[in-house]
Amino acid sequence: MTKAIIKMNEIISQSEKSDTQKLAEIKQFVEILKNKQASTIDWQLVAGYLDQQIFEFFYRNQDDQKIVQFATSLAGNLAEKFGLVRDTTTMTRDMTRPN
């Protein structure tokens, strides 16, 4: 929203334009903002979908040792970066060992 305010200030500060021209430009800019907000991407939904797809892929390919190593590394990195703690009491099997 700060960028929008800066842009509106720029429009208002244009000394070579009349007040009518500035008002028309502001109205046009506000319409663009309204339409843009309606099409804003819900990044939580995107992240949730990607999360589901990634871990379904890991699950489907759990027999591939490279996939298991990558999944384990990714889980560790996520835990470290976002402060997640694994609850090992609910884990039913060790994904790092071959079946």
C-alpha atoms as a PDB file:
ATOM      1  CA  MET A   1       0.000   0.000   0.000  1.00  0.00           C
ATOM      2  CA  THR A   2       2.955   2.327   0.589  1.00  0.00           C
ATOM      3  CA  LYS A   3       3.842   2.139  -3.117  1.00  0.00           C
ATOM      4  CA  ALA A   4       0.289   3.146  -3.978  1.00  0.00           C
ATOM      5  CA  ILE A   5       0.511   6.216  -1.747  1.00  0.00           C
ATOM      6  CA  ILE A   6       3.840   7.192  -3.321  1.00  0.00           C
ATOM      7  CA  LYS A   7       2.326   6.806  -6.798  1.00  0.00           C
ATOM      8  CA  MET A   8      -0.673   8.955  -5.829  1.00  0.00           C
ATOM      9  CA  ASN A   9       1.696  11.616  -4.453  1.00  0.00           C
ATOM     10  CA  GLU A  10       3.591  11.569  -7.762  1.00  0.00           C
ATOM     11  CA  ILE A  11       0.352  12.084  -9.673  1.00  0.00           C
ATOM     12  CA  ILE A  12      -0.706  14.969  -7.424  1.00  0.00           C
ATOM     13  CA  SER A  13       2.744  16.607  -7.633  1.00  0.00           C
ATOM     14  CA  GLN A  14       2.728  16.868 -11.443  1.00  0.00           C
ATOM     15  CA  SER A  15       2.766  20.641 -11.927  1.00  0.00           C
ATOM     16  CA  GLU A  16       2.281  20.462 -15.697  1.00  0.00           C
ATOM     17  CA  LYS A  17      -1.185  18.879 -15.348  1.00  0.00           C
ATOM     18  CA  SER A  18      -4.442  20.521 -14.365  1.00  0.00           C
ATOM     19  CA  ASP A  19      -6.390  19.460 -11.298  1.00  0.00           C
ATOM     20  CA  THR A  20      -8.974  17.819 -13.573  1.00  0.00           C
ATOM     21  CA  GLN A  21      -6.282  15.739 -15.284  1.00  0.00           C
ATOM     22  CA  LYS A  22      -4.763  14.776 -11.925  1.00  0.00           C
ATOM     23  CA  LEU A  23      -8.168  13.765 -10.575  1.00  0.00           C
ATOM     24  CA  ALA A  24      -8.863  11.636 -13.649  1.00  0.00           C
ATOM     25  CA  GLU A  25      -5.476   9.948 -13.292  1.00  0.00           C
ATOM     26  CA  ILE A  26      -6.048   9.312  -9.559  1.00  0.00           C
ATOM     27  CA  LYS A  27      -9.473   7.797 -10.293  1.00  0.00           C
ATOM     28  CA  GLN A  28      -7.950   5.536 -12.946  1.00  0.00           C
ATOM     29  CA  PHE A  29      -5.197   4.467 -10.558  1.00  0.00           C
ATOM     30  CA  VAL A  30      -7.716   3.709  -7.788  1.00  0.00           C
ATOM     31  CA  GLU A  31      -9.701   1.518 -10.214  1.00  0.00           C
ATOM     32  CA  ILE A  32      -6.532  -0.383 -11.069  1.00  0.00           C
ATOM     33  CA  LEU A  33      -5.865  -0.905  -7.352  1.00  0.00           C
ATOM     34  CA  LYS A  34      -9.407  -2.159  -6.757  1.00  0.00           C
ATOM     35  CA  ASN A  35      -9.109  -4.693  -9.562  1.00  0.00           C
ATOM     36  CA  LYS A  36      -5.647  -5.735  -8.472  1.00  0.00           C
ATOM     37  CA  GLN A  37      -6.789  -6.447  -4.907  1.00  0.00           C
ATOM     38  CA  ALA A  38      -9.601  -8.634  -6.237  1.00  0.00           C
ATOM     39  CA  SER A  39      -7.057 -10.788  -8.068  1.00  0.00           C
ATOM     40  CA  THR A  40      -4.541 -11.068  -5.231  1.00  0.00           C
ATOM     41  CA  ILE A  41      -3.021 -14.532  -4.959  1.00  0.00           C
ATOM     42  CA  ASP A  42      -3.668 -16.420  -1.732  1.00  0.00           C
ATOM     43  CA  TRP A  43      -0.094 -17.507  -1.029  1.00  0.00           C
ATOM     44  CA  GLN A  44      -1.166 -19.700   1.898  1.00  0.00           C
ATOM     45  CA  LEU A  45      -3.299 -21.768  -0.476  1.00  0.00           C
ATOM     46  CA  VAL A  46      -0.435 -21.973  -2.968  1.00  0.00           C
ATOM     47  CA  ALA A  47       1.983 -23.079  -0.229  1.00  0.00           C
ATOM     48  CA  GLY A  48      -0.521 -25.635   1.081  1.00  0.00           C
ATOM     49  CA  TYR A  49      -1.018 -27.119  -2.387  1.00  0.00           C
ATOM     50  CA  LEU A  50       2.736 -27.315  -3.031  1.00  0.00           C
ATOM     51  CA  ASP A  51       3.261 -28.875   0.391  1.00  0.00           C
ATOM     52  CA  GLN A  52       0.694 -31.558  -0.336  1.00  0.00           C
ATOM     53  CA  GLN A  53       2.085 -32.318  -3.797  1.00  0.00           C
ATOM     54  CA  ILE A  54       5.690 -32.493  -2.597  1.00  0.00           C
ATOM     55  CA  PHE A  55       4.971 -34.844   0.280  1.00  0.00           C
ATOM     56  CA  GLU A  56       2.674 -37.029  -1.829  1.00  0.00           C
ATOM     57  CA  PHE A  57       5.581 -37.336  -4.283  1.00  0.00           C
ATOM     58  CA  PHE A  58       7.901 -38.314  -1.438  1.00  0.00           C
ATOM     59  CA  TYR A  59       5.419 -40.902  -0.215  1.00  0.00           C
ATOM     60  CA  ARG A  60       4.879 -42.401  -3.689  1.00  0.00           C
ATOM     61  CA  ASN A  61       8.650 -42.640  -4.213  1.00  0.00           C
ATOM     62  CA  GLN A  62       9.719 -43.797  -0.771  1.00  0.00           C
ATOM     63  CA  ASP A  63      11.558 -46.774  -2.277  1.00  0.00           C
ATOM     64  CA  ASP A  64      13.982 -44.475  -4.112  1.00  0.00           C
ATOM     65  CA  GLN A  65      16.894 -43.816  -1.761  1.00  0.00           C
ATOM     66  CA  LYS A  66      17.766 -40.462  -3.377  1.00  0.00           C
ATOM     67  CA  ILE A  67      14.203 -39.253  -2.834  1.00  0.00           C
ATOM     68  CA  VAL A  68      14.277 -40.445   0.783  1.00  0.00           C
ATOM     69  CA  GLN A  69      17.562 -38.625   1.391  1.00  0.00           C
ATOM     70  CA  PHE A  70      16.231 -35.429  -0.169  1.00  0.00           C
ATOM     71  CA  ALA A  71      12.963 -35.667   1.795  1.00  0.00           C
ATOM     72  CA  THR A  72      14.867 -36.169   5.039  1.00  0.00           C
ATOM     73  CA  SER A  73      17.150 -33.241   4.270  1.00  0.00           C
ATOM     74  CA  LEU A  74      14.197 -31.022   3.332  1.00  0.00           C
ATOM     75  CA  ALA A  75      12.313 -31.945   6.515  1.00  0.00           C
ATOM     76  CA  GLY A  76      15.388 -31.132   8.606  1.00  0.00           C
ATOM     77  CA  ASN A  77      15.902 -27.804   6.845  1.00  0.00           C
ATOM     78  CA  LEU A  78      12.244 -26.868   7.292  1.00  0.00           C
ATOM     79  CA  ALA A  79      12.404 -27.797  10.956  1.00  0.00           C
ATOM     80  CA  GLU A  80      15.531 -25.710  11.456  1.00  0.00           C
ATOM     81  CA  LYS A  81      14.342 -22.686   9.463  1.00  0.00           C
ATOM     82  CA  PHE A  82      10.822 -22.538  10.909  1.00  0.00           C
ATOM     83  CA  GLY A  83      11.361 -23.987  14.384  1.00  0.00           C
ATOM     84  CA  LEU A  84       9.353 -27.139  13.732  1.00  0.00           C
ATOM     85  CA  VAL A  85       9.728 -30.075  16.091  1.00  0.00           C
ATOM     86  CA  ARG A  86       9.177 -33.625  14.983  1.00  0.00           C
ATOM     87  CA  ASP A  87       6.913 -35.697  17.229  1.00  0.00           C
ATOM     88  CA  THR A  88       8.659 -39.049  16.959  1.00  0.00           C
ATOM     89  CA  THR A  89       6.146 -40.739  19.262  1.00  0.00           C
ATOM     90  CA  THR A  90       3.609 -40.809  16.433  1.00  0.00           C
ATOM     91  CA  MET A  91       5.967 -42.031  13.702  1.00  0.00           C
ATOM     92  CA  THR A  92       5.217 -45.596  12.647  1.00  0.00           C
ATOM     93  CA  ARG A  93       8.319 -46.405  10.618  1.00  0.00           C
ATOM     94  CA  ASP A  94      11.764 -45.171   9.735  1.00  0.00           C
ATOM     95  CA  MET A  95      11.660 -43.729   6.181  1.00  0.00           C
ATOM     96  CA  THR A  96      15.485 -43.765   5.913  1.00  0.00           C
ATOM     97  CA  ARG A  97      15.734 -47.563   6.000  1.00  0.00           C
ATOM     98  CA  PRO A  98      14.804 -49.707   2.987  1.00  0.00           C
ATOM     99  CA  ASN A  99      11.738 -51.930   3.486  1.00  0.00           C
END
